Amino acid sequence: MLNKSKVKLGIAPIAWTNDDMPDLGKENTFEQCVSEMALAGFTGSEVGNKYPNDPEVLKKALELRGVEICNQWFSSFLLTKPFEEVEKEFRAQLTFLKAMGSKIIGASEQSYSVQGQMETPVFGHKYVMNDAEWDTLCTGLNKLGKIAKEEYGISLTFHHHMGTVVQTAAETERLMDNTDPEYMSLLFDSGHFSYCGEDPVAMVKKYVNRIKHVHLKDIRPEVVAKVKADDMSFLAGVRAGAFTVPGDGCVDFPAIFKVLEEADYEGYMVVEAEQDPAKANPLEYAMRARKYIAENTGL
């Protein structure tokens, strides 16, 4: 069983309101979202597009419900923007997260990403970096991680993601091999590794000592197969139900939990399963996820 004093459970607001497709969950308010997170038994939340930008306003709303901000997505453009521009945006987000008491920031390199392109098939169309671009990315991430740790007391984690320049196991390995463990950790996402055909259990075993944030995301293999066969985009796949909560798909979560337990993992595990809330009631699925995690981890 995982250590209750070291592991906290969170859930992402993307199940209630989708940042990339605002029509999904447009009827769901911020207050409903965070209230239902708490009702389902989660104490951590990532940041959604309906969340107040004022830390004091957000903090008050979350404290009423016993919830805290545990991470926020950061879109880095280290390959296509001047470093100074990325750094400025990064510092602004770090300032917000520090005010919220968060210890994690999750970066995803969005240069040339196809994840947000509704018409571009997610399989076979991702950008492949050359050696110079790899050097730019890894050097930039080391710099950002140093800033985050030394100036804000926040850990930079990298979120491998479908449709981006770091999607596969090999790409994740190259990134890990060429970044400084002191300044760069991994945001392990079970769903994204599974989606692209990698073994999430092998990856959690390999990098468990560099993982500082975990996304618990399951996939429906029959939907992913359809996405591939029909040349669907990442967002079309989300609408079709490619993702779901732990225990509702094909990911071997008991094996993942075992690896984290044996390594004495400390940090957040966050249910992040974007679906159409009109088809998958967010509270219902949050409660299903919480029950599954309790049964399989003791948390």
C-alpha atoms as a PDB file:
ATOM      1  CA  MET A   1       0.000   0.000   0.000  1.00  0.00           C
ATOM      2  CA  LEU A   2       1.146   3.542  -0.717  1.00  0.00           C
ATOM      3  CA  ASN A   3       2.141   5.789   2.171  1.00  0.00           C
ATOM      4  CA  LYS A   4      -0.750   8.049   3.199  1.00  0.00           C
ATOM      5  CA  SER A   5       1.616  10.544   4.803  1.00  0.00           C
ATOM      6  CA  LYS A   6       3.601  10.956   1.581  1.00  0.00           C
ATOM      7  CA  VAL A   7       1.138  10.502  -1.285  1.00  0.00           C
ATOM      8  CA  LYS A   8      -1.724  12.907  -1.934  1.00  0.00           C
ATOM      9  CA  LEU A   9      -4.562  12.509  -4.405  1.00  0.00           C
ATOM     10  CA  GLY A  10      -5.717  15.141  -6.843  1.00  0.00           C
ATOM     11  CA  ILE A  11      -7.944  15.411  -9.878  1.00  0.00           C
ATOM     12  CA  ALA A  12      -7.769  17.683 -12.909  1.00  0.00           C
ATOM     13  CA  PRO A  13     -10.616  20.063 -13.816  1.00  0.00           C
ATOM     14  CA  ILE A  14     -10.363  18.960 -17.457  1.00  0.00           C
ATOM     15  CA  ALA A  15     -13.073  16.357 -16.759  1.00  0.00           C
ATOM     16  CA  TRP A  16     -15.493  19.210 -15.978  1.00  0.00           C
ATOM     17  CA  THR A  17     -14.345  21.913 -18.410  1.00  0.00           C
ATOM     18  CA  ASN A  18     -11.938  21.332 -21.311  1.00  0.00           C
ATOM     19  CA  ASP A  19      -9.302  24.014 -21.899  1.00  0.00           C
ATOM     20  CA  ASP A  20      -8.707  23.034 -25.530  1.00  0.00           C
ATOM     21  CA  MET A  21     -12.386  22.635 -26.420  1.00  0.00           C
ATOM     22  CA  PRO A  22     -14.317  25.104 -24.243  1.00  0.00           C
ATOM     23  CA  ASP A  23     -17.667  23.859 -25.508  1.00  0.00           C
ATOM     24  CA  LEU A  24     -17.036  20.643 -23.547  1.00  0.00           C
ATOM     25  CA  GLY A  25     -18.389  21.429 -20.111  1.00  0.00           C
ATOM     26  CA  LYS A  26     -19.222  25.075 -20.826  1.00  0.00           C
ATOM     27  CA  GLU A  27     -22.224  24.647 -18.530  1.00  0.00           C
ATOM     28  CA  ASN A  28     -20.061  23.589 -15.571  1.00  0.00           C
ATOM     29  CA  THR A  29     -18.969  26.390 -13.230  1.00  0.00           C
ATOM     30  CA  PHE A  30     -15.690  26.668 -11.329  1.00  0.00           C
ATOM     31  CA  GLU A  31     -17.586  26.351  -8.037  1.00  0.00           C
ATOM     32  CA  GLN A  32     -19.321  23.156  -9.142  1.00  0.00           C
ATOM     33  CA  CYS A  33     -16.026  21.705 -10.352  1.00  0.00           C
ATOM     34  CA  VAL A  34     -14.062  22.207  -7.135  1.00  0.00           C
ATOM     35  CA  SER A  35     -17.029  21.302  -4.929  1.00  0.00           C
ATOM     36  CA  GLU A  36     -17.427  17.977  -6.720  1.00  0.00           C
ATOM     37  CA  MET A  37     -13.670  17.314  -6.509  1.00  0.00           C
ATOM     38  CA  ALA A  38     -13.928  17.650  -2.741  1.00  0.00           C
ATOM     39  CA  LEU A  39     -17.141  15.637  -2.595  1.00  0.00           C
ATOM     40  CA  ALA A  40     -15.438  12.776  -4.435  1.00  0.00           C
ATOM     41  CA  GLY A  41     -12.606  12.760  -1.890  1.00  0.00           C
ATOM     42  CA  PHE A  42      -9.736  14.570  -3.615  1.00  0.00           C
ATOM     43  CA  THR A  43      -7.567  17.199  -1.923  1.00  0.00           C
ATOM     44  CA  GLY A  44      -5.533  18.445  -4.900  1.00  0.00           C
ATOM     45  CA  SER A  45      -6.440  20.193  -8.129  1.00  0.00           C
ATOM     46  CA  GLU A  46      -4.598  21.378 -11.191  1.00  0.00           C
ATOM     47  CA  VAL A  47      -5.570  24.736 -12.731  1.00  0.00           C
ATOM     48  CA  GLY A  48      -8.414  25.050 -15.223  1.00  0.00           C
ATOM     49  CA  ASN A  49      -9.539  27.788 -17.592  1.00  0.00           C
ATOM     50  CA  LYS A  50     -12.421  28.856 -15.337  1.00  0.00           C
ATOM     51  CA  TYR A  51     -10.291  29.214 -12.209  1.00  0.00           C
ATOM     52  CA  PRO A  52      -9.929  32.754 -10.781  1.00  0.00           C
ATOM     53  CA  ASN A  53      -6.598  34.373 -11.699  1.00  0.00           C
ATOM     54  CA  ASP A  54      -6.330  36.174  -8.354  1.00  0.00           C
ATOM     55  CA  PRO A  55      -4.481  33.879  -5.906  1.00  0.00           C
ATOM     56  CA  GLU A  56      -6.393  35.233  -2.914  1.00  0.00           C
ATOM     57  CA  VAL A  57      -9.785  34.652  -4.513  1.00  0.00           C
ATOM     58  CA  LEU A  58      -8.786  31.181  -5.683  1.00  0.00           C
ATOM     59  CA  LYS A  59      -7.207  30.257  -2.364  1.00  0.00           C
ATOM     60  CA  LYS A  60     -10.332  31.220  -0.411  1.00  0.00           C
ATOM     61  CA  ALA A  61     -12.591  29.160  -2.688  1.00  0.00           C
ATOM     62  CA  LEU A  62     -10.316  26.123  -2.441  1.00  0.00           C
ATOM     63  CA  GLU A  63      -9.738  26.362   1.314  1.00  0.00           C
ATOM     64  CA  LEU A  64     -13.500  26.299   1.885  1.00  0.00           C
ATOM     65  CA  ARG A  65     -13.485  22.877   0.240  1.00  0.00           C
ATOM     66  CA  GLY A  66     -10.210  21.498   1.629  1.00  0.00           C
ATOM     67  CA  VAL A  67      -8.532  21.546  -1.783  1.00  0.00           C
ATOM     68  CA  GLU A  68      -5.143  22.929  -2.867  1.00  0.00           C
ATOM     69  CA  ILE A  69      -3.429  23.599  -6.200  1.00  0.00           C
ATOM     70  CA  CYS A  70      -0.853  20.854  -6.802  1.00  0.00           C
ATOM     71  CA  ASN A  71       0.390  21.675 -10.323  1.00  0.00           C
ATOM     72  CA  GLN A  72      -0.264  23.808 -13.387  1.00  0.00           C
ATOM     73  CA  TRP A  73       0.387  23.080 -17.051  1.00  0.00           C
ATOM     74  CA  PHE A  74       2.997  25.350 -18.674  1.00  0.00           C
ATOM     75  CA  SER A  75       3.250  25.548 -22.459  1.00  0.00           C
ATOM     76  CA  SER A  76       6.913  26.075 -23.299  1.00  0.00           C
ATOM     77  CA  PHE A  77       8.030  27.165 -26.768  1.00  0.00           C
ATOM     78  CA  LEU A  78      11.763  26.764 -26.359  1.00  0.00           C
ATOM     79  CA  LEU A  79      12.248  25.749 -30.003  1.00  0.00           C
ATOM     80  CA  THR A  80      10.280  28.601 -31.568  1.00  0.00           C
ATOM     81  CA  LYS A  81      10.467  31.583 -29.187  1.00  0.00           C
ATOM     82  CA  PRO A  82      13.440  33.490 -27.743  1.00  0.00           C
ATOM     83  CA  PHE A  83      14.411  32.020 -24.366  1.00  0.00           C
ATOM     84  CA  GLU A  84      13.844  35.391 -22.676  1.00  0.00           C
ATOM     85  CA  GLU A  85      10.205  35.369 -23.771  1.00  0.00           C
ATOM     86  CA  VAL A  86       9.637  31.836 -22.449  1.00  0.00           C
ATOM     87  CA  GLU A  87      11.410  32.740 -19.210  1.00  0.00           C
ATOM     88  CA  LYS A  88       9.160  35.770 -18.675  1.00  0.00           C
ATOM     89  CA  GLU A  89       5.995  33.664 -19.074  1.00  0.00           C
ATOM     90  CA  PHE A  90       7.495  30.923 -16.887  1.00  0.00           C
ATOM     91  CA  ARG A  91       8.315  33.352 -14.073  1.00  0.00           C
ATOM     92  CA  ALA A  92       4.796  34.790 -14.155  1.00  0.00           C
ATOM     93  CA  GLN A  93       3.347  31.305 -13.714  1.00  0.00           C
ATOM     94  CA  LEU A  94       5.854  30.428 -10.988  1.00  0.00           C
ATOM     95  CA  THR A  95       4.856  33.585  -9.102  1.00  0.00           C
ATOM     96  CA  PHE A  96       1.207  32.496  -9.221  1.00  0.00           C
ATOM     97  CA  LEU A  97       2.006  28.933  -8.157  1.00  0.00           C
ATOM     98  CA  LYS A  98       4.204  30.080  -5.282  1.00  0.00           C
ATOM     99  CA  ALA A  99       1.352  32.282  -4.053  1.00  0.00           C
ATOM    100  CA  MET A 100      -0.897  29.206  -4.197  1.00  0.00           C
ATOM    101  CA  GLY A 101       1.606  27.086  -2.252  1.00  0.00           C
ATOM    102  CA  SER A 102       2.184  24.641  -5.108  1.00  0.00           C
ATOM    103  CA  LYS A 103       5.494  22.778  -5.334  1.00  0.00           C
ATOM    104  CA  ILE A 104       5.181  21.535  -8.937  1.00  0.00           C
ATOM    105  CA  ILE A 105       5.002  23.074 -12.411  1.00  0.00           C
ATOM    106  CA  GLY A 106       4.393  20.786 -15.386  1.00  0.00           C
ATOM    107  CA  ALA A 107       5.903  21.877 -18.691  1.00  0.00           C
ATOM    108  CA  SER A 108       5.061  20.547 -22.135  1.00  0.00           C
ATOM    109  CA  GLU A 109       7.009  21.722 -25.191  1.00  0.00           C
ATOM    110  CA  GLN A 110       4.365  23.014 -27.563  1.00  0.00           C
ATOM    111  CA  SER A 111       6.541  24.070 -30.500  1.00  0.00           C
ATOM    112  CA  TYR A 112       5.200  22.270 -33.598  1.00  0.00           C
ATOM    113  CA  SER A 113       2.612  20.435 -31.474  1.00  0.00           C
ATOM    114  CA  VAL A 114      -0.388  18.938 -33.280  1.00  0.00           C
ATOM    115  CA  GLN A 115      -2.316  18.085 -30.105  1.00  0.00           C
ATOM    116  CA  GLY A 116      -4.517  21.163 -30.416  1.00  0.00           C
ATOM    117  CA  GLN A 117      -5.158  20.912 -34.165  1.00  0.00           C
ATOM    118  CA  MET A 118      -8.659  19.586 -34.703  1.00  0.00           C
ATOM    119  CA  GLU A 119      -8.033  18.455 -38.302  1.00  0.00           C
ATOM    120  CA  THR A 120      -4.500  16.989 -38.001  1.00  0.00           C
ATOM    121  CA  PRO A 121      -4.293  13.239 -37.338  1.00  0.00           C
ATOM    122  CA  VAL A 122      -2.441  12.620 -34.077  1.00  0.00           C
ATOM    123  CA  PHE A 123      -0.743   9.473 -35.364  1.00  0.00           C
ATOM    124  CA  GLY A 124       2.010   9.914 -37.955  1.00  0.00           C
ATOM    125  CA  HIS A 125       2.093  13.707 -37.930  1.00  0.00           C
ATOM    126  CA  LYS A 126       4.171  14.654 -34.911  1.00  0.00           C
ATOM    127  CA  TYR A 127       7.295  16.757 -35.385  1.00  0.00           C
ATOM    128  CA  VAL A 128      10.678  15.051 -34.965  1.00  0.00           C
ATOM    129  CA  MET A 129      13.496  17.195 -33.598  1.00  0.00           C
ATOM    130  CA  ASN A 130      17.018  17.337 -35.021  1.00  0.00           C
ATOM    131  CA  ASP A 131      20.121  17.283 -32.812  1.00  0.00           C
ATOM    132  CA  ALA A 132      20.353  21.071 -32.580  1.00  0.00           C
ATOM    133  CA  GLU A 133      16.722  21.300 -31.487  1.00  0.00           C
ATOM    134  CA  TRP A 134      17.254  18.612 -28.879  1.00  0.00           C
ATOM    135  CA  ASP A 135      20.144  20.648 -27.490  1.00  0.00           C
ATOM    136  CA  THR A 136      18.022  23.821 -27.436  1.00  0.00           C
ATOM    137  CA  LEU A 137      15.186  22.047 -25.629  1.00  0.00           C
ATOM    138  CA  CYS A 138      17.303  20.310 -23.003  1.00  0.00           C
ATOM    139  CA  THR A 139      19.480  23.372 -22.327  1.00  0.00           C
ATOM    140  CA  GLY A 140      16.377  25.547 -22.010  1.00  0.00           C
ATOM    141  CA  LEU A 141      14.649  23.141 -19.646  1.00  0.00           C
ATOM    142  CA  ASN A 142      17.734  22.954 -17.421  1.00  0.00           C
ATOM    143  CA  LYS A 143      17.734  26.764 -17.201  1.00  0.00           C
ATOM    144  CA  LEU A 144      14.026  26.912 -16.411  1.00  0.00           C
ATOM    145  CA  GLY A 145      14.348  24.161 -13.821  1.00  0.00           C
ATOM    146  CA  LYS A 146      17.206  25.994 -12.101  1.00  0.00           C
ATOM    147  CA  ILE A 147      15.122  29.182 -11.928  1.00  0.00           C
ATOM    148  CA  ALA A 148      12.106  27.281 -10.574  1.00  0.00           C
ATOM    149  CA  LYS A 149      14.036  25.443  -7.877  1.00  0.00           C
ATOM    150  CA  GLU A 150      16.475  28.093  -6.708  1.00  0.00           C
ATOM    151  CA  GLU A 151      14.286  31.187  -6.901  1.00  0.00           C
ATOM    152  CA  TYR A 152      10.773  29.867  -6.253  1.00  0.00           C
ATOM    153  CA  GLY A 153      11.197  26.529  -4.444  1.00  0.00           C
ATOM    154  CA  ILE A 154       9.175  24.786  -7.166  1.00  0.00           C
ATOM    155  CA  SER A 155      10.126  21.615  -9.080  1.00  0.00           C
ATOM    156  CA  LEU A 156       9.947  21.571 -12.872  1.00  0.00           C
ATOM    157  CA  THR A 157       8.436  18.356 -14.221  1.00  0.00           C
ATOM    158  CA  PHE A 158       8.169  17.536 -17.912  1.00  0.00           C
ATOM    159  CA  HIS A 159       4.890  16.246 -19.335  1.00  0.00           C
ATOM    160  CA  HIS A 160       5.430  13.883 -22.288  1.00  0.00           C
ATOM    161  CA  HIS A 161       2.306  14.174 -24.439  1.00  0.00           C
ATOM    162  CA  MET A 162       0.669  12.846 -27.579  1.00  0.00           C
ATOM    163  CA  GLY A 163       1.234  15.026 -30.648  1.00  0.00           C
ATOM    164  CA  THR A 164       4.242  16.863 -29.211  1.00  0.00           C
ATOM    165  CA  VAL A 165       8.003  16.653 -29.774  1.00  0.00           C
ATOM    166  CA  VAL A 166       8.363  14.433 -26.689  1.00  0.00           C
ATOM    167  CA  GLN A 167       5.811  11.650 -27.032  1.00  0.00           C
ATOM    168  CA  THR A 168       7.552   8.277 -27.252  1.00  0.00           C
ATOM    169  CA  ALA A 169       9.618   6.275 -24.778  1.00  0.00           C
ATOM    170  CA  ALA A 170      12.778   6.957 -26.821  1.00  0.00           C
ATOM    171  CA  GLU A 171      12.114  10.691 -26.839  1.00  0.00           C
ATOM    172  CA  THR A 172      11.409  10.702 -23.112  1.00  0.00           C
ATOM    173  CA  GLU A 173      14.632   8.760 -22.507  1.00  0.00           C
ATOM    174  CA  ARG A 174      16.669  11.211 -24.579  1.00  0.00           C
ATOM    175  CA  LEU A 175      15.168  14.120 -22.664  1.00  0.00           C
ATOM    176  CA  MET A 176      15.920  12.511 -19.311  1.00  0.00           C
ATOM    177  CA  ASP A 177      19.455  11.581 -20.371  1.00  0.00           C
ATOM    178  CA  ASN A 178      20.249  15.150 -21.401  1.00  0.00           C
ATOM    179  CA  THR A 179      18.717  17.117 -18.549  1.00  0.00           C
ATOM    180  CA  ASP A 180      19.973  17.622 -15.007  1.00  0.00           C
ATOM    181  CA  PRO A 181      18.123  15.512 -12.397  1.00  0.00           C
ATOM    182  CA  GLU A 182      18.623  18.351  -9.925  1.00  0.00           C
ATOM    183  CA  TYR A 183      16.509  20.691 -12.047  1.00  0.00           C
ATOM    184  CA  MET A 184      14.308  18.484 -14.211  1.00  0.00           C
ATOM    185  CA  SER A 185      11.953  15.721 -13.189  1.00  0.00           C
ATOM    186  CA  LEU A 186       9.364  13.671 -15.027  1.00  0.00           C
ATOM    187  CA  LEU A 187       5.616  14.094 -14.939  1.00  0.00           C
ATOM    188  CA  PHE A 188       4.666  10.478 -15.561  1.00  0.00           C
ATOM    189  CA  ASP A 189       1.422  10.074 -17.491  1.00  0.00           C
ATOM    190  CA  SER A 190       0.157   6.498 -17.762  1.00  0.00           C
ATOM    191  CA  GLY A 191      -2.368   7.369 -20.453  1.00  0.00           C
ATOM    192  CA  HIS A 192      -0.067   9.149 -22.875  1.00  0.00           C
ATOM    193  CA  PHE A 193       2.509   6.354 -22.857  1.00  0.00           C
ATOM    194  CA  SER A 194      -0.247   3.797 -23.408  1.00  0.00           C
ATOM    195  CA  TYR A 195      -1.878   5.851 -26.168  1.00  0.00           C
ATOM    196  CA  CYS A 196       1.269   5.921 -28.307  1.00  0.00           C
ATOM    197  CA  GLY A 197       1.921   2.204 -27.841  1.00  0.00           C
ATOM    198  CA  GLU A 198       4.567   2.366 -25.107  1.00  0.00           C
ATOM    199  CA  ASP A 199       4.603   0.323 -21.900  1.00  0.00           C
ATOM    200  CA  PRO A 200       3.779   2.638 -18.973  1.00  0.00           C
ATOM    201  CA  VAL A 201       4.891   0.035 -16.429  1.00  0.00           C
ATOM    202  CA  ALA A 202       8.360  -0.181 -18.020  1.00  0.00           C
ATOM    203  CA  MET A 203       8.617   3.609 -18.034  1.00  0.00           C
ATOM    204  CA  VAL A 204       7.558   4.049 -14.422  1.00  0.00           C
ATOM    205  CA  LYS A 205      10.130   1.410 -13.428  1.00  0.00           C
ATOM    206  CA  LYS A 206      12.882   3.147 -15.384  1.00  0.00           C
ATOM    207  CA  TYR A 207      12.253   6.661 -14.080  1.00  0.00           C
ATOM    208  CA  VAL A 208      10.580   6.179 -10.717  1.00  0.00           C
ATOM    209  CA  ASN A 209      13.417   8.036  -8.968  1.00  0.00           C
ATOM    210  CA  ARG A 210      12.932  11.079 -11.236  1.00  0.00           C
ATOM    211  CA  ILE A 211       9.132  11.162 -11.111  1.00  0.00           C
ATOM    212  CA  LYS A 212       7.751  14.022  -9.008  1.00  0.00           C
ATOM    213  CA  HIS A 213       4.176  14.120 -10.307  1.00  0.00           C
ATOM    214  CA  VAL A 214       1.890  11.380 -11.614  1.00  0.00           C
ATOM    215  CA  HIS A 215      -1.099  11.580 -13.948  1.00  0.00           C
ATOM    216  CA  LEU A 216      -3.435   8.630 -13.557  1.00  0.00           C
ATOM    217  CA  LYS A 217      -5.084   8.382 -16.966  1.00  0.00           C
ATOM    218  CA  ASP A 218      -6.590   5.279 -18.532  1.00  0.00           C
ATOM    219  CA  ILE A 219      -7.351   4.643 -22.196  1.00  0.00           C
ATOM    220  CA  ARG A 220     -10.092   2.799 -24.041  1.00  0.00           C
ATOM    221  CA  PRO A 221      -8.029   0.727 -26.519  1.00  0.00           C
ATOM    222  CA  GLU A 222     -10.887   0.271 -28.973  1.00  0.00           C
ATOM    223  CA  VAL A 223     -11.285   4.051 -29.267  1.00  0.00           C
ATOM    224  CA  VAL A 224      -7.536   4.612 -29.663  1.00  0.00           C
ATOM    225  CA  ALA A 225      -7.523   1.961 -32.416  1.00  0.00           C
ATOM    226  CA  LYS A 226     -10.310   3.881 -34.154  1.00  0.00           C
ATOM    227  CA  VAL A 227      -8.383   7.160 -33.810  1.00  0.00           C
ATOM    228  CA  LYS A 228      -5.431   5.505 -35.539  1.00  0.00           C
ATOM    229  CA  ALA A 229      -7.464   3.710 -38.240  1.00  0.00           C
ATOM    230  CA  ASP A 230      -9.580   6.749 -39.109  1.00  0.00           C
ATOM    231  CA  ASP A 231      -6.751   9.337 -38.994  1.00  0.00           C
ATOM    232  CA  MET A 232      -8.470  11.260 -36.207  1.00  0.00           C
ATOM    233  CA  SER A 233      -6.930  14.189 -34.385  1.00  0.00           C
ATOM    234  CA  PHE A 234      -6.016  14.130 -30.706  1.00  0.00           C
ATOM    235  CA  LEU A 235      -8.980  16.372 -29.848  1.00  0.00           C
ATOM    236  CA  ALA A 236     -11.393  14.277 -31.924  1.00  0.00           C
ATOM    237  CA  GLY A 237     -10.125  11.276 -29.981  1.00  0.00           C
ATOM    238  CA  VAL A 238     -10.922  13.019 -26.708  1.00  0.00           C
ATOM    239  CA  ARG A 239     -14.466  13.686 -27.903  1.00  0.00           C
ATOM    240  CA  ALA A 240     -14.799  10.052 -28.941  1.00  0.00           C
ATOM    241  CA  GLY A 241     -13.801   8.854 -25.451  1.00  0.00           C
ATOM    242  CA  ALA A 242     -10.174   7.751 -25.885  1.00  0.00           C
ATOM    243  CA  PHE A 243      -9.425   8.601 -22.248  1.00  0.00           C
ATOM    244  CA  THR A 244     -11.102   7.527 -19.044  1.00  0.00           C
ATOM    245  CA  VAL A 245     -10.434   7.212 -15.323  1.00  0.00           C
ATOM    246  CA  PRO A 246      -8.215   4.520 -13.768  1.00  0.00           C
ATOM    247  CA  GLY A 247      -9.807   1.087 -13.778  1.00  0.00           C
ATOM    248  CA  ASP A 248     -12.109   1.805 -16.702  1.00  0.00           C
ATOM    249  CA  GLY A 249      -9.619   1.021 -19.501  1.00  0.00           C
ATOM    250  CA  CYS A 250      -6.635  -1.223 -20.188  1.00  0.00           C
ATOM    251  CA  VAL A 251      -3.736   0.324 -18.227  1.00  0.00           C
ATOM    252  CA  ASP A 252      -2.175  -1.954 -15.606  1.00  0.00           C
ATOM    253  CA  PHE A 253      -2.511   0.389 -12.633  1.00  0.00           C
ATOM    254  CA  PRO A 254      -1.854  -2.226  -9.911  1.00  0.00           C
ATOM    255  CA  ALA A 255       1.615  -2.759 -11.444  1.00  0.00           C
ATOM    256  CA  ILE A 256       2.235   1.003 -11.596  1.00  0.00           C
ATOM    257  CA  PHE A 257       1.115   1.469  -7.992  1.00  0.00           C
ATOM    258  CA  LYS A 258       3.432  -1.359  -6.914  1.00  0.00           C
ATOM    259  CA  VAL A 259       6.469   0.328  -8.491  1.00  0.00           C
ATOM    260  CA  LEU A 260       5.603   3.653  -6.840  1.00  0.00           C
ATOM    261  CA  GLU A 261       5.046   1.923  -3.495  1.00  0.00           C
ATOM    262  CA  GLU A 262       8.367   0.075  -3.593  1.00  0.00           C
ATOM    263  CA  ALA A 263      10.203   3.309  -4.440  1.00  0.00           C
ATOM    264  CA  ASP A 264       8.436   5.094  -1.556  1.00  0.00           C
ATOM    265  CA  TYR A 265       7.046   7.679  -3.964  1.00  0.00           C
ATOM    266  CA  GLU A 266       6.256  11.052  -2.447  1.00  0.00           C
ATOM    267  CA  GLY A 267       4.027  13.589  -4.157  1.00  0.00           C
ATOM    268  CA  TYR A 268       0.702  13.873  -5.903  1.00  0.00           C
ATOM    269  CA  MET A 269      -1.119  11.313  -7.988  1.00  0.00           C
ATOM    270  CA  VAL A 270      -3.680  13.147 -10.089  1.00  0.00           C
ATOM    271  CA  VAL A 271      -6.610  11.648 -11.975  1.00  0.00           C
ATOM    272  CA  GLU A 272      -6.497  13.378 -15.344  1.00  0.00           C
ATOM    273  CA  ALA A 273      -9.028  11.926 -17.737  1.00  0.00           C
ATOM    274  CA  GLU A 274     -10.547  14.341 -20.206  1.00  0.00           C
ATOM    275  CA  GLN A 275     -13.905  13.206 -21.538  1.00  0.00           C
ATOM    276  CA  ASP A 276     -17.064  14.864 -22.775  1.00  0.00           C
ATOM    277  CA  PRO A 277     -18.849  15.671 -19.494  1.00  0.00           C
ATOM    278  CA  ALA A 278     -22.201  15.333 -21.256  1.00  0.00           C
ATOM    279  CA  LYS A 279     -21.347  11.662 -21.846  1.00  0.00           C
ATOM    280  CA  ALA A 280     -19.244  10.976 -18.746  1.00  0.00           C
ATOM    281  CA  ASN A 281     -20.637  12.741 -15.674  1.00  0.00           C
ATOM    282  CA  PRO A 282     -17.555  14.263 -13.981  1.00  0.00           C
ATOM    283  CA  LEU A 283     -18.677  13.626 -10.397  1.00  0.00           C
ATOM    284  CA  GLU A 284     -19.677  10.058 -11.148  1.00  0.00           C
ATOM    285  CA  TYR A 285     -16.348   9.297 -12.819  1.00  0.00           C
ATOM    286  CA  ALA A 286     -14.396  11.111 -10.090  1.00  0.00           C
ATOM    287  CA  MET A 287     -16.082   8.926  -7.476  1.00  0.00           C
ATOM    288  CA  ARG A 288     -15.393   5.787  -9.497  1.00  0.00           C
ATOM    289  CA  ALA A 289     -11.737   6.778  -9.769  1.00  0.00           C
ATOM    290  CA  ARG A 290     -11.473   7.518  -6.050  1.00  0.00           C
ATOM    291  CA  LYS A 291     -13.001   4.153  -5.154  1.00  0.00           C
ATOM    292  CA  TYR A 292     -10.653   2.313  -7.522  1.00  0.00           C
ATOM    293  CA  ILE A 293      -7.585   4.079  -6.098  1.00  0.00           C
ATOM    294  CA  ALA A 294      -8.677   3.307  -2.530  1.00  0.00           C
ATOM    295  CA  GLU A 295      -9.152  -0.363  -3.344  1.00  0.00           C
ATOM    296  CA  ASN A 296      -5.773  -0.655  -5.068  1.00  0.00           C
ATOM    297  CA  THR A 297      -3.531   1.579  -2.956  1.00  0.00           C
ATOM    298  CA  GLY A 298      -5.112   1.887   0.484  1.00  0.00           C
ATOM    299  CA  LEU A 299      -5.157   5.666   0.088  1.00  0.00           C
END
